Amino acid sequence: MRNIALILILFLAADTVWAESVRERLRRARTEETSQPHADTVTQDTAPLRSAPAAADTQTNCVAPGRFLYPGSGDCCGDAQPYIQASYLKGGQCIEIRNSDPAKTGGLCLECGDGLCSVSENKCNCPADCLPGDRGHVVYEQKEAPAAHSTAPVIARLDSSFTQTDMFTTLLAEAYETGDVTICRSLPEPKKESVWYDDHAVSTPGRADWHSYCMALVMRDSKLCPQFNLKSDCREYFQKTAERDNNSPAFCLEQMDVTLFRQWDVMECLTLWKEKVFGNRHRSINDIVAYSASTRPFAPLEIEILRCHELPGKEQRNCFLQLYRESGNEKLRKFSGW
């Protein structure tokens, strides 16, 4: 027992000495570290002077014109300045915003005063550019025209679940390119198949549907499109192939019931032209007529259609009805609801 106790005493003593030596080495290391500069630390005397950011770098995180500048998020790019919104445009009128705090709301970055009424500017947030003033007229920023289709039309592919689609679209494409009616007359009889969508089955198009689709393409007449199956595919095909001829607002009314089958399609066509020519689809047509030097390439009838379209509910219908009676244009009967 005495030997065991002696061994324990010697072991504890050695452990204490080892721990003390470790603490001493750590203390010396900390002393040396504080007395000399750290290898990664650069002092003011030895560090190279950091050059100030270049002027271009200061604009890297700026907010571009037409985008919103939130409080504390930086500055507008270039000559643009934040517009603190005190009113907004509605129905051609500037509606005052009450109880607004500019410090909390931020503003839209605008290059107001450059003489061009840009896409983001209007008579409320930039009257200097969007009201006639001394110039006598407003110059609107125009948007780029949509790219015209440069390739030959391609038959729209149908649902891949229809296993015979590839065969029929190949035949229809050949019929369209050659104008050969015999291809439509000799179309094979499709196999009857059903495709399940959620909780109901849809039958694949029959031979009569494919024949009508084929004849519509050969004759270039959308009125020959199938009445049920493939109707939307056939009409969509005519719409896409006609887009390359959309080179003026006159296209919109000319294509009514030809490739534009709904009143909404015609109005959207005219609205896109309004957006292209005058930069913003939400500009009041009354303001455009009053402030712009010219409304070309819009014809007077197209301007009046856009004017009626901006009216609410019953006023819009009555406007279209009056326009139909005055112009005698039968296509306007659909707008008036007759």
Protein backbone atom coordinates (compact mmCIF):
# COMPACT_ATOMS: atom_id res chain seq x y z
CA MET A 1 0.00 0.00 0.00
CA ARG A 2 2.84 2.40 0.83
CA ASN A 3 4.40 1.76 -2.57
CA ILE A 4 1.12 2.51 -4.34
CA ALA A 5 0.65 5.77 -2.39
CA LEU A 6 4.22 6.83 -3.21
CA ILE A 7 3.68 6.16 -6.91
CA LEU A 8 0.50 8.28 -6.88
CA ILE A 9 2.28 11.16 -5.16
CA LEU A 10 5.12 11.09 -7.72
CA PHE A 11 2.62 10.95 -10.64
CA LEU A 12 0.69 13.98 -9.35
CA ALA A 13 3.89 15.93 -8.84
CA ALA A 14 5.06 15.23 -12.39
CA ASP A 15 1.69 16.23 -13.80
CA THR A 16 1.82 19.53 -11.91
CA VAL A 17 5.30 20.31 -13.25
CA TRP A 18 4.22 19.49 -16.84
CA ALA A 19 1.13 21.71 -16.58
CA GLU A 20 3.23 24.56 -15.20
CA SER A 21 5.70 24.27 -18.08
CA VAL A 22 2.88 24.38 -20.60
CA ARG A 23 1.43 27.52 -19.02
CA GLU A 24 4.88 29.12 -19.08
CA ARG A 25 5.32 28.42 -22.81
CA LEU A 26 1.88 29.87 -23.60
CA ARG A 27 2.68 33.00 -21.56
CA ARG A 28 5.96 33.52 -23.44
CA ALA A 29 4.22 33.02 -26.81
CA ARG A 30 1.59 35.66 -26.00
CA THR A 31 4.30 38.08 -24.84
CA GLU A 32 6.22 37.69 -28.11
CA GLU A 33 3.04 38.09 -30.19
CA THR A 34 2.12 41.40 -28.57
CA SER A 35 5.64 42.76 -28.81
CA GLN A 36 5.92 42.21 -32.63
CA PRO A 37 3.52 43.10 -35.48
CA HIS A 38 1.47 40.20 -36.72
CA ALA A 39 2.52 38.81 -40.08
CA ASP A 40 -0.90 39.66 -41.56
CA THR A 41 -1.09 43.09 -39.96
CA VAL A 42 -0.11 46.07 -42.11
CA THR A 43 0.91 49.15 -40.20
CA GLN A 44 0.22 52.68 -41.40
CA ASP A 45 3.93 53.24 -42.16
CA THR A 46 4.46 50.10 -44.22
CA ALA A 47 1.03 49.69 -45.90
CA PRO A 48 0.70 50.96 -49.46
CA LEU A 49 -1.79 53.79 -49.78
CA ARG A 50 -5.19 52.49 -51.02
CA SER A 51 -6.26 54.59 -53.97
CA ALA A 52 -9.75 56.08 -53.97
CA PRO A 53 -12.33 54.27 -56.13
CA ALA A 54 -12.45 55.45 -59.71
CA ALA A 55 -15.39 57.59 -60.76
CA ALA A 56 -16.81 54.71 -62.79
CA ASP A 57 -16.67 52.42 -59.73
CA THR A 58 -18.84 54.77 -57.71
CA GLN A 59 -21.65 54.17 -60.22
CA THR A 60 -21.46 50.38 -60.04
CA ASN A 61 -24.19 50.04 -57.42
CA CYS A 62 -26.25 53.02 -58.50
CA VAL A 63 -29.94 52.78 -59.43
CA ALA A 64 -30.63 53.03 -63.16
CA PRO A 65 -33.16 55.53 -64.58
CA GLY A 66 -36.67 54.13 -64.48
CA ARG A 67 -36.02 52.05 -61.37
CA PHE A 68 -37.08 52.78 -57.81
CA LEU A 69 -34.59 54.22 -55.33
CA TYR A 70 -35.35 53.07 -51.81
CA PRO A 71 -34.27 55.19 -48.82
CA GLY A 72 -30.64 54.51 -47.92
CA SER A 73 -30.01 52.35 -51.02
CA GLY A 74 -27.55 54.70 -52.74
CA ASP A 75 -27.92 57.19 -55.57
CA CYS A 76 -29.39 57.34 -59.06
CA CYS A 77 -27.01 56.71 -61.96
CA GLY A 78 -25.70 59.51 -64.15
CA ASP A 79 -27.79 62.65 -64.28
CA ALA A 80 -30.95 60.94 -63.01
CA GLN A 81 -32.54 62.29 -59.84
CA PRO A 82 -35.04 60.61 -57.52
CA TYR A 83 -38.61 61.80 -57.95
CA ILE A 84 -40.40 61.91 -54.60
CA GLN A 85 -43.88 60.80 -55.57
CA ALA A 86 -46.48 63.34 -54.51
CA SER A 87 -49.10 62.24 -57.04
CA TYR A 88 -49.84 59.41 -59.43
CA LEU A 89 -51.44 59.21 -62.86
CA LYS A 90 -54.94 57.71 -63.08
CA GLY A 91 -57.39 58.15 -65.94
CA GLY A 92 -55.29 60.94 -67.39
CA GLN A 93 -55.41 62.90 -64.10
CA CYS A 94 -52.77 63.50 -61.45
CA ILE A 95 -54.09 62.19 -58.12
CA GLU A 96 -52.44 63.69 -55.05
CA ILE A 97 -50.93 61.30 -52.50
CA ARG A 98 -51.75 62.49 -49.01
CA ASN A 99 -49.78 61.86 -45.82
CA SER A 100 -46.73 60.62 -47.70
CA ASP A 101 -43.30 60.85 -46.07
CA PRO A 102 -40.55 61.31 -48.70
CA ALA A 103 -37.90 60.02 -46.26
CA LYS A 104 -39.73 56.71 -46.03
CA THR A 105 -41.19 56.28 -49.50
CA GLY A 106 -38.13 56.84 -51.69
CA GLY A 107 -38.56 57.78 -55.33
CA LEU A 108 -38.23 56.82 -58.97
CA CYS A 109 -34.93 57.68 -60.67
CA LEU A 110 -35.77 59.95 -63.62
CA GLU A 111 -33.73 61.95 -66.11
CA CYS A 112 -36.33 64.69 -66.02
CA GLY A 113 -35.49 67.82 -67.97
CA ASP A 114 -33.70 66.21 -70.91
CA GLY A 115 -36.55 67.07 -73.30
CA LEU A 116 -37.66 63.45 -73.81
CA CYS A 117 -40.77 62.03 -72.13
CA SER A 118 -39.32 58.59 -71.30
CA VAL A 119 -41.15 55.34 -70.63
CA SER A 120 -41.16 55.97 -66.86
CA GLU A 121 -42.10 59.64 -67.05
CA ASN A 122 -45.54 61.23 -67.29
CA LYS A 123 -47.11 64.64 -66.83
CA CYS A 124 -47.37 64.07 -63.07
CA ASN A 125 -43.79 63.08 -62.23
CA CYS A 126 -42.06 65.06 -64.99
CA PRO A 127 -44.17 67.91 -66.42
CA ALA A 128 -40.99 69.50 -67.79
CA ASP A 129 -40.69 66.70 -70.38
CA CYS A 130 -44.26 65.38 -70.64
CA LEU A 131 -46.20 68.65 -70.99
CA PRO A 132 -45.80 70.87 -74.08
CA GLY A 133 -44.36 73.92 -72.33
CA ASP A 134 -42.36 76.26 -74.54
CA ARG A 135 -41.76 73.57 -77.19
CA GLY A 136 -45.45 73.35 -78.02
CA HIS A 137 -45.35 69.54 -78.20
CA VAL A 138 -43.99 66.50 -76.36
CA VAL A 139 -41.38 64.11 -77.74
CA TYR A 140 -42.04 60.56 -76.52
CA GLU A 141 -39.42 57.87 -76.12
CA GLN A 142 -40.19 55.07 -78.54
CA LYS A 143 -39.70 51.41 -77.77
CA GLU A 144 -38.05 48.99 -80.15
CA ALA A 145 -40.39 47.18 -82.52
CA PRO A 146 -40.73 43.44 -81.95
CA ALA A 147 -38.48 41.41 -84.21
CA ALA A 148 -40.26 40.09 -87.28
CA HIS A 149 -40.16 36.39 -88.04
CA SER A 150 -37.45 35.70 -90.59
CA THR A 151 -37.95 31.96 -90.95
CA ALA A 152 -40.64 29.99 -92.73
CA PRO A 153 -43.64 29.15 -90.53
CA VAL A 154 -43.53 25.84 -88.73
CA ILE A 155 -46.55 23.74 -87.85
CA ALA A 156 -47.18 24.09 -84.13
CA ARG A 157 -46.40 20.86 -82.31
CA LEU A 158 -49.27 19.34 -80.38
CA ASP A 159 -49.34 17.47 -77.11
CA SER A 160 -46.58 14.85 -77.03
CA SER A 161 -49.03 12.38 -75.51
CA PHE A 162 -50.64 12.06 -78.93
CA THR A 163 -48.40 9.37 -80.42
CA GLN A 164 -49.41 10.12 -84.03
CA THR A 165 -48.69 13.85 -83.90
CA ASP A 166 -45.34 13.67 -85.69
CA MET A 167 -46.80 11.84 -88.67
CA PHE A 168 -49.67 14.29 -89.17
CA THR A 169 -47.65 17.47 -88.62
CA THR A 170 -45.15 16.24 -91.22
CA LEU A 171 -47.94 15.72 -93.73
CA LEU A 172 -49.53 19.10 -92.92
CA ALA A 173 -46.21 20.89 -93.27
CA GLU A 174 -45.77 19.36 -96.72
CA ALA A 175 -49.32 20.35 -97.68
CA TYR A 176 -48.69 23.95 -96.57
CA GLU A 177 -45.42 24.25 -98.49
CA THR A 178 -46.68 22.65 -101.71
CA GLY A 179 -50.33 23.78 -101.64
CA ASP A 180 -51.28 20.22 -102.64
CA VAL A 181 -54.90 19.57 -101.66
CA THR A 182 -54.55 15.85 -102.45
CA ILE A 183 -52.39 15.44 -99.34
CA CYS A 184 -55.32 16.56 -97.20
CA ARG A 185 -57.70 14.19 -99.00
CA SER A 186 -55.40 11.20 -98.55
CA LEU A 187 -54.62 11.63 -94.85
CA PRO A 188 -54.60 8.25 -93.05
CA GLU A 189 -57.22 7.29 -90.52
CA PRO A 190 -55.76 7.97 -87.06
CA LYS A 191 -55.90 5.37 -84.36
CA LYS A 192 -58.35 6.11 -81.59
CA GLU A 193 -56.52 7.02 -78.40
CA SER A 194 -57.39 8.75 -75.16
CA VAL A 195 -55.19 10.95 -73.03
CA TRP A 196 -56.04 11.44 -69.36
CA TYR A 197 -55.96 14.95 -67.90
CA ASP A 198 -56.62 14.95 -64.15
CA ASP A 199 -59.97 13.20 -63.88
CA HIS A 200 -61.17 13.12 -67.48
CA ALA A 201 -60.09 11.61 -70.77
CA VAL A 202 -59.56 13.54 -74.00
CA SER A 203 -59.83 11.75 -77.32
CA THR A 204 -57.18 12.31 -79.94
CA PRO A 205 -58.24 14.29 -83.04
CA GLY A 206 -60.09 12.35 -85.72
CA ARG A 207 -59.42 12.32 -89.47
CA ALA A 208 -62.00 15.06 -90.09
CA ASP A 209 -60.20 17.35 -87.62
CA TRP A 210 -56.83 16.80 -89.32
CA HIS A 211 -58.44 17.27 -92.74
CA SER A 212 -59.94 20.64 -91.74
CA TYR A 213 -56.61 21.73 -90.25
CA CYS A 214 -54.81 20.70 -93.45
CA MET A 215 -57.30 22.48 -95.74
CA ALA A 216 -57.05 25.68 -93.68
CA LEU A 217 -53.27 25.68 -94.16
CA VAL A 218 -53.38 24.88 -97.86
CA MET A 219 -56.02 27.52 -98.58
CA ARG A 220 -54.45 30.03 -96.12
CA ASP A 221 -57.89 30.56 -94.61
CA SER A 222 -58.37 30.42 -90.84
CA LYS A 223 -62.14 30.13 -91.27
CA LEU A 224 -61.55 26.53 -92.38
CA CYS A 225 -59.98 25.61 -89.03
CA PRO A 226 -61.68 22.74 -87.15
CA GLN A 227 -64.58 23.78 -84.94
CA PHE A 228 -63.60 21.62 -81.97
CA ASN A 229 -60.45 19.47 -81.81
CA LEU A 230 -57.34 21.29 -83.07
CA LYS A 231 -59.24 24.60 -83.33
CA SER A 232 -56.92 26.50 -80.98
CA ASP A 233 -53.80 24.97 -82.56
CA CYS A 234 -54.94 25.93 -86.05
CA ARG A 235 -55.80 29.49 -85.05
CA GLU A 236 -52.57 29.92 -83.11
CA TYR A 237 -50.65 28.85 -86.20
CA PHE A 238 -52.29 31.58 -88.29
CA GLN A 239 -51.64 34.16 -85.56
CA LYS A 240 -47.93 33.34 -85.37
CA THR A 241 -47.41 33.31 -89.14
CA ALA A 242 -49.22 36.65 -89.50
CA GLU A 243 -47.01 38.42 -86.94
CA ARG A 244 -44.30 39.03 -89.56
CA ASP A 245 -46.75 41.25 -91.47
CA ASN A 246 -47.53 43.39 -88.41
CA ASN A 247 -45.72 46.50 -89.62
CA SER A 248 -48.32 49.17 -88.75
CA PRO A 249 -51.36 49.66 -86.48
CA ALA A 250 -53.58 49.10 -89.55
CA PHE A 251 -52.69 45.41 -89.29
CA CYS A 252 -54.75 45.09 -86.10
CA LEU A 253 -58.13 45.93 -87.61
CA GLU A 254 -57.35 44.28 -90.94
CA GLN A 255 -56.65 40.97 -89.22
CA MET A 256 -59.85 40.99 -87.16
CA ASP A 257 -61.61 37.61 -87.68
CA VAL A 258 -58.68 36.53 -89.87
CA THR A 259 -55.89 35.90 -87.37
CA LEU A 260 -57.15 38.05 -84.48
CA PHE A 261 -60.35 36.35 -83.39
CA ARG A 262 -61.38 38.25 -80.27
CA GLN A 263 -61.95 41.90 -79.47
CA TRP A 264 -59.24 41.57 -76.82
CA ASP A 265 -56.72 40.39 -79.47
CA VAL A 266 -57.36 43.46 -81.60
CA MET A 267 -57.14 45.84 -78.63
CA GLU A 268 -53.93 44.24 -77.41
CA CYS A 269 -52.47 44.61 -80.90
CA LEU A 270 -53.33 48.34 -80.96
CA THR A 271 -52.10 48.81 -77.38
CA LEU A 272 -48.74 47.26 -78.22
CA TRP A 273 -48.39 49.72 -81.09
CA LYS A 274 -49.33 52.54 -78.73
CA GLU A 275 -46.62 51.34 -76.35
CA LYS A 276 -44.05 51.18 -79.15
CA VAL A 277 -44.76 54.64 -80.58
CA PHE A 278 -45.42 56.54 -77.35
CA GLY A 279 -43.30 54.51 -74.93
CA ASN A 280 -45.96 53.53 -72.43
CA ARG A 281 -49.26 51.70 -72.89
CA HIS A 282 -50.80 53.55 -69.94
CA ARG A 283 -50.55 57.02 -71.44
CA SER A 284 -53.91 58.66 -71.98
CA ILE A 285 -54.78 58.80 -75.68
CA ASN A 286 -56.33 62.23 -75.04
CA ASP A 287 -52.99 63.49 -73.71
CA ILE A 288 -51.12 61.94 -76.64
CA VAL A 289 -53.41 63.67 -79.16
CA ALA A 290 -53.20 66.98 -77.29
CA TYR A 291 -49.45 67.03 -76.57
CA SER A 292 -47.75 65.05 -79.36
CA ALA A 293 -46.64 66.74 -82.57
CA SER A 294 -48.03 63.78 -84.53
CA THR A 295 -49.99 60.58 -83.94
CA ARG A 296 -48.53 58.80 -86.96
CA PRO A 297 -48.59 55.94 -87.87
CA PHE A 298 -52.06 55.69 -86.28
CA ALA A 299 -55.04 56.44 -88.51
CA PRO A 300 -57.88 58.56 -87.05
CA LEU A 301 -60.14 55.50 -86.71
CA GLU A 302 -57.47 53.63 -84.72
CA ILE A 303 -57.04 56.62 -82.42
CA GLU A 304 -60.78 56.70 -81.79
CA ILE A 305 -60.83 52.95 -81.03
CA LEU A 306 -58.11 53.47 -78.41
CA ARG A 307 -60.03 56.44 -77.00
CA CYS A 308 -63.19 54.34 -76.58
CA HIS A 309 -61.17 51.50 -75.06
CA GLU A 310 -60.01 53.73 -72.20
CA LEU A 311 -63.58 54.46 -71.11
CA PRO A 312 -65.21 52.39 -68.33
CA GLY A 313 -68.07 49.91 -68.68
CA LYS A 314 -71.19 51.24 -70.37
CA GLU A 315 -69.45 54.39 -71.61
CA GLN A 316 -67.03 52.20 -73.56
CA ARG A 317 -69.84 50.24 -75.23
CA ASN A 318 -71.75 53.41 -76.14
CA CYS A 319 -68.57 54.95 -77.54
CA PHE A 320 -67.92 51.94 -79.79
CA LEU A 321 -71.57 51.94 -80.89
CA GLN A 322 -71.38 55.61 -81.86
CA LEU A 323 -68.09 55.02 -83.65
CA TYR A 324 -69.60 52.11 -85.57
CA ARG A 325 -72.55 54.24 -86.69
CA GLU A 326 -70.34 57.13 -87.76
CA SER A 327 -67.69 55.08 -89.57
CA GLY A 328 -69.90 52.38 -91.06
CA ASN A 329 -67.07 49.88 -90.46
CA GLU A 330 -68.77 46.50 -89.99
CA LYS A 331 -65.87 45.16 -87.93
CA LEU A 332 -66.72 47.59 -85.16
CA ARG A 333 -70.01 45.80 -84.56
CA LYS A 334 -68.12 43.27 -82.43
CA PHE A 335 -66.76 46.11 -80.25
CA SER A 336 -70.21 47.62 -79.77
CA GLY A 337 -71.72 44.26 -78.79
CA TRP A 338 -74.13 44.14 -81.71
